[in-house]
């Protein structure tokens, strides 16, 4: 993995690139799986099955593609309605819609000036939620991890998040996250990139070997 240190300039193609890389990794894992696999509960999203997570992801991406952002969109209630609307769909149809969304959303996100960048990272994280249920190795790693770290770094700066200096085991140079002008000393993280991404996504990190100083894990969650 190459250095993930980033500049304070948005890369408009990064979210779409992350989605396409994840599409090529995730969709083949989903094709031909049994209904029982899709019905498995997720750990990261209590009350949601694998299918529910995928339906939420596909719905969110199609909202981007079709520019459907009514009031309250992406609220828990809106997400539940999106999932319910797909309740009678076959599992294959949900995967088809997900594949289409991952393919077509990138250019729309690129043109949005950064307002939709977080959706791409959220989709990548949810793919990790699905892989973790399936027992796939490197649930929150894989081919898209470098781009995920870069996108995370940009989002935390853009949102003026708590500053953090990360020394990652699998990146050659330090990664700077958050707002350097936030008026507090940067926190420090030492560990692997996958665990860092789990922390920022509010995912379980039990058993992971890492060091976090100067900030509480709950302060890092960008989706909370």
C-alpha atoms as a PDB file:
ATOM      1  CA  UNK A   1       0.000   0.000   0.000  1.00  0.00           C
ATOM      2  CA  UNK A   2       1.382   3.431  -0.921  1.00  0.00           C
ATOM      3  CA  UNK A   3       1.417   6.483   1.285  1.00  0.00           C
ATOM      4  CA  UNK A   4      -2.050   7.725   2.230  1.00  0.00           C
ATOM      5  CA  UNK A   5      -0.964  11.183   3.348  1.00  0.00           C
ATOM      6  CA  UNK A   6      -3.168  13.674   1.532  1.00  0.00           C
ATOM      7  CA  UNK A   7      -3.288  17.364   0.679  1.00  0.00           C
ATOM      8  CA  UNK A   8      -6.126  19.758   1.473  1.00  0.00           C
ATOM      9  CA  UNK A   9      -7.511  19.410  -2.037  1.00  0.00           C
ATOM     10  CA  UNK A  10     -10.521  17.275  -2.907  1.00  0.00           C
ATOM     11  CA  UNK A  11     -10.069  14.557  -5.513  1.00  0.00           C
ATOM     12  CA  UNK A  12     -13.501  14.447  -7.185  1.00  0.00           C
ATOM     13  CA  UNK A  13     -12.798  11.074  -8.772  1.00  0.00           C
ATOM     14  CA  UNK A  14     -11.855   9.359  -5.504  1.00  0.00           C
ATOM     15  CA  UNK A  15     -15.371   8.430  -4.269  1.00  0.00           C
ATOM     16  CA  UNK A  16     -16.329   6.893  -7.615  1.00  0.00           C
ATOM     17  CA  UNK A  17     -13.063   5.012  -7.830  1.00  0.00           C
ATOM     18  CA  UNK A  18     -13.645   3.564  -4.365  1.00  0.00           C
ATOM     19  CA  UNK A  19     -17.157   2.463  -5.343  1.00  0.00           C
ATOM     20  CA  UNK A  20     -15.978   0.725  -8.522  1.00  0.00           C
ATOM     21  CA  UNK A  21     -13.167  -1.093  -6.736  1.00  0.00           C
ATOM     22  CA  UNK A  22     -15.609  -2.231  -4.063  1.00  0.00           C
ATOM     23  CA  UNK A  23     -18.190  -3.243  -6.673  1.00  0.00           C
ATOM     24  CA  UNK A  24     -15.666  -5.521  -8.350  1.00  0.00           C
ATOM     25  CA  UNK A  25     -14.778  -7.132  -5.018  1.00  0.00           C
ATOM     26  CA  UNK A  26     -18.191  -7.414  -3.378  1.00  0.00           C
ATOM     27  CA  UNK A  27     -20.689  -8.247  -6.118  1.00  0.00           C
ATOM     28  CA  UNK A  28     -19.003 -11.529  -7.131  1.00  0.00           C
ATOM     29  CA  UNK A  29     -19.144 -12.613  -3.475  1.00  0.00           C
ATOM     30  CA  UNK A  30     -22.909 -12.052  -3.449  1.00  0.00           C
ATOM     31  CA  UNK A  31     -23.884 -13.745  -6.688  1.00  0.00           C
ATOM     32  CA  UNK A  32     -25.444 -17.160  -6.250  1.00  0.00           C
ATOM     33  CA  UNK A  33     -25.557 -17.063  -2.462  1.00  0.00           C
ATOM     34  CA  UNK A  34     -28.441 -18.736  -0.681  1.00  0.00           C
ATOM     35  CA  UNK A  35     -31.368 -16.931   0.884  1.00  0.00           C
ATOM     36  CA  UNK A  36     -30.019 -18.043   4.247  1.00  0.00           C
ATOM     37  CA  UNK A  37     -26.805 -16.112   3.622  1.00  0.00           C
ATOM     38  CA  UNK A  38     -28.745 -12.932   2.877  1.00  0.00           C
ATOM     39  CA  UNK A  39     -30.862 -13.428   6.008  1.00  0.00           C
ATOM     40  CA  UNK A  40     -27.879 -13.528   8.378  1.00  0.00           C
ATOM     41  CA  UNK A  41     -27.904 -10.769  11.013  1.00  0.00           C
ATOM     42  CA  UNK A  42     -25.200  -8.123  10.984  1.00  0.00           C
ATOM     43  CA  UNK A  43     -23.153  -7.135  14.024  1.00  0.00           C
ATOM     44  CA  UNK A  44     -22.476  -3.555  12.975  1.00  0.00           C
ATOM     45  CA  UNK A  45     -26.110  -2.753  12.129  1.00  0.00           C
ATOM     46  CA  UNK A  46     -28.298  -4.274  14.869  1.00  0.00           C
ATOM     47  CA  UNK A  47     -31.696  -5.306  13.588  1.00  0.00           C
ATOM     48  CA  UNK A  48     -30.557  -5.434   9.979  1.00  0.00           C
ATOM     49  CA  UNK A  49     -29.791  -8.567   8.018  1.00  0.00           C
ATOM     50  CA  UNK A  50     -27.194  -8.759   5.263  1.00  0.00           C
ATOM     51  CA  UNK A  51     -29.995  -8.233   2.779  1.00  0.00           C
ATOM     52  CA  UNK A  52     -31.225  -5.164   4.667  1.00  0.00           C
ATOM     53  CA  UNK A  53     -27.746  -3.623   4.538  1.00  0.00           C
ATOM     54  CA  UNK A  54     -27.469  -4.308   0.824  1.00  0.00           C
ATOM     55  CA  UNK A  55     -30.949  -2.905   0.165  1.00  0.00           C
ATOM     56  CA  UNK A  56     -30.070   0.239   2.116  1.00  0.00           C
ATOM     57  CA  UNK A  57     -26.830   0.605   0.135  1.00  0.00           C
ATOM     58  CA  UNK A  58     -28.471   0.108  -3.237  1.00  0.00           C
ATOM     59  CA  UNK A  59     -31.298   2.516  -2.365  1.00  0.00           C
ATOM     60  CA  UNK A  60     -28.875   5.207  -1.206  1.00  0.00           C
ATOM     61  CA  UNK A  61     -26.845   4.967  -4.394  1.00  0.00           C
ATOM     62  CA  UNK A  62     -29.898   5.083  -6.614  1.00  0.00           C
ATOM     63  CA  UNK A  63     -31.064   8.182  -4.792  1.00  0.00           C
ATOM     64  CA  UNK A  64     -27.738   9.730  -5.785  1.00  0.00           C
ATOM     65  CA  UNK A  65     -28.027   8.542  -9.381  1.00  0.00           C
ATOM     66  CA  UNK A  66     -31.634   9.771  -9.707  1.00  0.00           C
ATOM     67  CA  UNK A  67     -31.165  12.934  -7.606  1.00  0.00           C
ATOM     68  CA  UNK A  68     -33.907  12.021  -5.135  1.00  0.00           C
ATOM     69  CA  UNK A  69     -33.192  13.832  -1.877  1.00  0.00           C
ATOM     70  CA  UNK A  70     -36.490  14.641  -0.256  1.00  0.00           C
ATOM     71  CA  UNK A  71     -36.705  16.050   3.268  1.00  0.00           C
ATOM     72  CA  UNK A  72     -35.493  13.551   5.855  1.00  0.00           C
ATOM     73  CA  UNK A  73     -33.558  11.448   3.362  1.00  0.00           C
ATOM     74  CA  UNK A  74     -31.043   9.042   4.970  1.00  0.00           C
ATOM     75  CA  UNK A  75     -32.731   9.364   8.361  1.00  0.00           C
ATOM     76  CA  UNK A  76     -33.404   6.058  10.146  1.00  0.00           C
ATOM     77  CA  UNK A  77     -37.054   6.295   9.101  1.00  0.00           C
ATOM     78  CA  UNK A  78     -36.146   6.964   5.476  1.00  0.00           C
ATOM     79  CA  UNK A  79     -33.680   4.078   5.466  1.00  0.00           C
ATOM     80  CA  UNK A  80     -36.291   1.721   6.868  1.00  0.00           C
ATOM     81  CA  UNK A  81     -38.749   2.770   4.156  1.00  0.00           C
ATOM     82  CA  UNK A  82     -36.162   2.147   1.458  1.00  0.00           C
ATOM     83  CA  UNK A  83     -35.562  -1.347   2.800  1.00  0.00           C
ATOM     84  CA  UNK A  84     -39.296  -2.049   3.090  1.00  0.00           C
ATOM     85  CA  UNK A  85     -39.848  -0.978  -0.523  1.00  0.00           C
ATOM     86  CA  UNK A  86     -37.506  -3.769  -1.585  1.00  0.00           C
ATOM     87  CA  UNK A  87     -38.962  -6.427   0.696  1.00  0.00           C
ATOM     88  CA  UNK A  88     -40.630  -8.303  -2.171  1.00  0.00           C
ATOM     89  CA  UNK A  89     -37.592  -8.144  -4.448  1.00  0.00           C
ATOM     90  CA  UNK A  90     -35.477 -11.204  -5.093  1.00  0.00           C
ATOM     91  CA  UNK A  91     -31.991 -11.170  -3.579  1.00  0.00           C
ATOM     92  CA  UNK A  92     -30.581 -11.097  -7.098  1.00  0.00           C
ATOM     93  CA  UNK A  93     -32.556  -7.941  -7.916  1.00  0.00           C
ATOM     94  CA  UNK A  94     -31.163  -6.186  -4.844  1.00  0.00           C
ATOM     95  CA  UNK A  95     -27.637  -7.109  -5.924  1.00  0.00           C
ATOM     96  CA  UNK A  96     -28.377  -5.938  -9.472  1.00  0.00           C
ATOM     97  CA  UNK A  97     -29.470  -2.543  -8.180  1.00  0.00           C
ATOM     98  CA  UNK A  98     -26.415  -2.341  -5.927  1.00  0.00           C
ATOM     99  CA  UNK A  99     -24.121  -3.110  -8.854  1.00  0.00           C
ATOM    100  CA  UNK A 100     -25.797  -0.427 -10.964  1.00  0.00           C
ATOM    101  CA  UNK A 101     -25.559   2.140  -8.178  1.00  0.00           C
ATOM    102  CA  UNK A 102     -21.885   1.450  -7.568  1.00  0.00           C
ATOM    103  CA  UNK A 103     -21.269   1.864 -11.285  1.00  0.00           C
ATOM    104  CA  UNK A 104     -23.283   5.025 -11.932  1.00  0.00           C
ATOM    105  CA  UNK A 105     -23.047   7.054  -8.717  1.00  0.00           C
ATOM    106  CA  UNK A 106     -19.394   8.054  -9.020  1.00  0.00           C
ATOM    107  CA  UNK A 107     -19.747  10.756 -11.686  1.00  0.00           C
ATOM    108  CA  UNK A 108     -22.726  12.268  -9.855  1.00  0.00           C
ATOM    109  CA  UNK A 109     -20.783  12.373  -6.590  1.00  0.00           C
ATOM    110  CA  UNK A 110     -17.824  13.945  -8.396  1.00  0.00           C
ATOM    111  CA  UNK A 111     -19.999  16.799  -9.654  1.00  0.00           C
ATOM    112  CA  UNK A 112     -21.558  17.457  -6.241  1.00  0.00           C
ATOM    113  CA  UNK A 113     -18.514  19.324  -4.949  1.00  0.00           C
ATOM    114  CA  UNK A 114     -17.993  17.122  -1.878  1.00  0.00           C
ATOM    115  CA  UNK A 115     -21.531  17.124  -0.478  1.00  0.00           C
ATOM    116  CA  UNK A 116     -22.016  13.426  -1.317  1.00  0.00           C
ATOM    117  CA  UNK A 117     -18.485  12.099  -0.755  1.00  0.00           C
ATOM    118  CA  UNK A 118     -19.434  10.563   2.583  1.00  0.00           C
ATOM    119  CA  UNK A 119     -21.929   8.271   0.869  1.00  0.00           C
ATOM    120  CA  UNK A 120     -19.127   6.508  -0.986  1.00  0.00           C
ATOM    121  CA  UNK A 121     -17.224   5.881   2.238  1.00  0.00           C
ATOM    122  CA  UNK A 122     -20.413   4.691   3.929  1.00  0.00           C
ATOM    123  CA  UNK A 123     -20.994   2.200   1.126  1.00  0.00           C
ATOM    124  CA  UNK A 124     -17.459   0.885   1.517  1.00  0.00           C
ATOM    125  CA  UNK A 125     -17.942   0.494   5.267  1.00  0.00           C
ATOM    126  CA  UNK A 126     -21.236  -1.357   4.779  1.00  0.00           C
ATOM    127  CA  UNK A 127     -19.487  -3.702   2.357  1.00  0.00           C
ATOM    128  CA  UNK A 128     -17.113  -4.446   5.220  1.00  0.00           C
ATOM    129  CA  UNK A 129     -20.111  -5.110   7.479  1.00  0.00           C
ATOM    130  CA  UNK A 130     -21.328  -7.706   4.978  1.00  0.00           C
ATOM    131  CA  UNK A 131     -17.918  -9.292   4.526  1.00  0.00           C
ATOM    132  CA  UNK A 132     -17.504  -9.562   8.294  1.00  0.00           C
ATOM    133  CA  UNK A 133     -20.769 -11.502   8.623  1.00  0.00           C
ATOM    134  CA  UNK A 134     -19.632 -13.795   5.852  1.00  0.00           C
ATOM    135  CA  UNK A 135     -16.320 -14.411   7.594  1.00  0.00           C
ATOM    136  CA  UNK A 136     -14.398 -13.041   4.615  1.00  0.00           C
ATOM    137  CA  UNK A 137     -10.771 -12.148   5.465  1.00  0.00           C
ATOM    138  CA  UNK A 138      -9.911  -8.474   5.760  1.00  0.00           C
ATOM    139  CA  UNK A 139     -13.502  -7.312   6.128  1.00  0.00           C
ATOM    140  CA  UNK A 140     -12.542  -3.636   6.264  1.00  0.00           C
ATOM    141  CA  UNK A 141      -9.442  -3.891   4.120  1.00  0.00           C
ATOM    142  CA  UNK A 142      -8.912  -5.188   0.610  1.00  0.00           C
ATOM    143  CA  UNK A 143      -8.185  -3.426  -2.651  1.00  0.00           C
ATOM    144  CA  UNK A 144     -10.134  -0.297  -1.735  1.00  0.00           C
ATOM    145  CA  UNK A 145      -8.502   0.353   1.627  1.00  0.00           C
ATOM    146  CA  UNK A 146      -5.947   2.915   0.396  1.00  0.00           C
ATOM    147  CA  UNK A 147      -8.671   4.969  -1.287  1.00  0.00           C
ATOM    148  CA  UNK A 148     -10.882   4.590   1.785  1.00  0.00           C
ATOM    149  CA  UNK A 149      -8.146   6.055   3.989  1.00  0.00           C
ATOM    150  CA  UNK A 150      -7.615   8.938   1.568  1.00  0.00           C
ATOM    151  CA  UNK A 151     -11.340   9.663   1.465  1.00  0.00           C
ATOM    152  CA  UNK A 152     -11.583   9.447   5.249  1.00  0.00           C
ATOM    153  CA  UNK A 153      -8.717  11.912   5.617  1.00  0.00           C
ATOM    154  CA  UNK A 154     -10.416  14.377   3.280  1.00  0.00           C
ATOM    155  CA  UNK A 155     -13.825  14.028   4.942  1.00  0.00           C
ATOM    156  CA  UNK A 156     -12.455  14.554   8.446  1.00  0.00           C
ATOM    157  CA  UNK A 157     -10.680  17.705   7.320  1.00  0.00           C
ATOM    158  CA  UNK A 158     -13.653  19.033   5.398  1.00  0.00           C
ATOM    159  CA  UNK A 159     -15.935  18.421   8.382  1.00  0.00           C
ATOM    160  CA  UNK A 160     -13.425  19.975  10.813  1.00  0.00           C
ATOM    161  CA  UNK A 161     -13.178  16.781  12.795  1.00  0.00           C
ATOM    162  CA  UNK A 162     -10.869  16.277  15.753  1.00  0.00           C
ATOM    163  CA  UNK A 163      -7.216  16.366  14.546  1.00  0.00           C
ATOM    164  CA  UNK A 164      -5.391  13.055  14.583  1.00  0.00           C
ATOM    165  CA  UNK A 165      -1.933  11.902  13.510  1.00  0.00           C
ATOM    166  CA  UNK A 166      -1.960   8.254  12.412  1.00  0.00           C
ATOM    167  CA  UNK A 167       1.119   6.072  12.102  1.00  0.00           C
ATOM    168  CA  UNK A 168      -0.213   3.113  10.143  1.00  0.00           C
ATOM    169  CA  UNK A 169       1.522  -0.237  10.002  1.00  0.00           C
ATOM    170  CA  UNK A 170       0.636  -0.616   6.308  1.00  0.00           C
ATOM    171  CA  UNK A 171       1.336   2.938   5.085  1.00  0.00           C
ATOM    172  CA  UNK A 172       4.829   4.332   4.546  1.00  0.00           C
ATOM    173  CA  UNK A 173       4.147   7.879   5.767  1.00  0.00           C
ATOM    174  CA  UNK A 174       1.963   9.325   8.529  1.00  0.00           C
ATOM    175  CA  UNK A 175      -1.640  10.175   7.731  1.00  0.00           C
ATOM    176  CA  UNK A 176      -3.103  13.456   8.962  1.00  0.00           C
ATOM    177  CA  UNK A 177      -6.810  13.487   9.695  1.00  0.00           C
ATOM    178  CA  UNK A 178      -9.178  16.119  10.991  1.00  0.00           C
ATOM    179  CA  UNK A 179      -8.825  19.873  11.324  1.00  0.00           C
ATOM    180  CA  UNK A 180      -5.298  20.958  12.246  1.00  0.00           C
ATOM    181  CA  UNK A 181      -6.705  24.339  13.346  1.00  0.00           C
ATOM    182  CA  UNK A 182      -9.223  22.819  15.756  1.00  0.00           C
ATOM    183  CA  UNK A 183      -7.570  24.379  18.802  1.00  0.00           C
ATOM    184  CA  UNK A 184      -6.463  21.134  20.421  1.00  0.00           C
ATOM    185  CA  UNK A 185      -3.311  19.039  20.112  1.00  0.00           C
ATOM    186  CA  UNK A 186      -3.586  16.249  17.546  1.00  0.00           C
ATOM    187  CA  UNK A 187      -4.510  12.869  18.935  1.00  0.00           C
ATOM    188  CA  UNK A 188      -2.236   9.953  18.064  1.00  0.00           C
ATOM    189  CA  UNK A 189      -3.076   6.561  16.565  1.00  0.00           C
ATOM    190  CA  UNK A 190      -0.673   3.672  16.048  1.00  0.00           C
ATOM    191  CA  UNK A 191      -1.951   0.495  14.385  1.00  0.00           C
ATOM    192  CA  UNK A 192      -3.232  -0.823  11.097  1.00  0.00           C
ATOM    193  CA  UNK A 193      -5.418   1.008   8.603  1.00  0.00           C
ATOM    194  CA  UNK A 194      -8.357  -1.386   8.892  1.00  0.00           C
ATOM    195  CA  UNK A 195      -8.683  -0.753  12.636  1.00  0.00           C
ATOM    196  CA  UNK A 196      -8.452   2.999  12.084  1.00  0.00           C
ATOM    197  CA  UNK A 197     -11.292   2.775   9.579  1.00  0.00           C
ATOM    198  CA  UNK A 198     -13.328   0.681  12.017  1.00  0.00           C
ATOM    199  CA  UNK A 199     -12.877   3.331  14.713  1.00  0.00           C
ATOM    200  CA  UNK A 200     -13.994   6.168  12.452  1.00  0.00           C
ATOM    201  CA  UNK A 201     -16.982   4.114  11.290  1.00  0.00           C
ATOM    202  CA  UNK A 202     -18.015   3.179  14.821  1.00  0.00           C
ATOM    203  CA  UNK A 203     -17.420  -0.527  14.202  1.00  0.00           C
ATOM    204  CA  UNK A 204     -16.251  -3.039  16.833  1.00  0.00           C
ATOM    205  CA  UNK A 205     -12.491  -3.205  17.403  1.00  0.00           C
ATOM    206  CA  UNK A 206     -12.353  -5.816  20.148  1.00  0.00           C
ATOM    207  CA  UNK A 207      -9.143  -7.816  19.991  1.00  0.00           C
ATOM    208  CA  UNK A 208      -7.391  -5.381  17.665  1.00  0.00           C
ATOM    209  CA  UNK A 209      -3.905  -4.262  18.618  1.00  0.00           C
ATOM    210  CA  UNK A 210      -3.658  -0.475  18.423  1.00  0.00           C
ATOM    211  CA  UNK A 211      -2.759   2.608  20.462  1.00  0.00           C
ATOM    212  CA  UNK A 212      -5.028   5.674  20.659  1.00  0.00           C
ATOM    213  CA  UNK A 213      -3.984   8.684  22.730  1.00  0.00           C
ATOM    214  CA  UNK A 214      -5.607  12.077  23.156  1.00  0.00           C
ATOM    215  CA  UNK A 215      -9.124  11.207  22.004  1.00  0.00           C
ATOM    216  CA  UNK A 216     -11.893   8.809  22.967  1.00  0.00           C
ATOM    217  CA  UNK A 217     -12.958   6.281  20.290  1.00  0.00           C
ATOM    218  CA  UNK A 218     -16.522   7.630  20.293  1.00  0.00           C
ATOM    219  CA  UNK A 219     -15.212  11.067  19.282  1.00  0.00           C
ATOM    220  CA  UNK A 220     -13.852   9.640  16.037  1.00  0.00           C
ATOM    221  CA  UNK A 221     -17.122   8.204  14.715  1.00  0.00           C
ATOM    222  CA  UNK A 222     -18.020  10.218  11.609  1.00  0.00           C
ATOM    223  CA  UNK A 223     -21.330   8.400  11.102  1.00  0.00           C
ATOM    224  CA  UNK A 224     -22.660   8.758  14.620  1.00  0.00           C
END
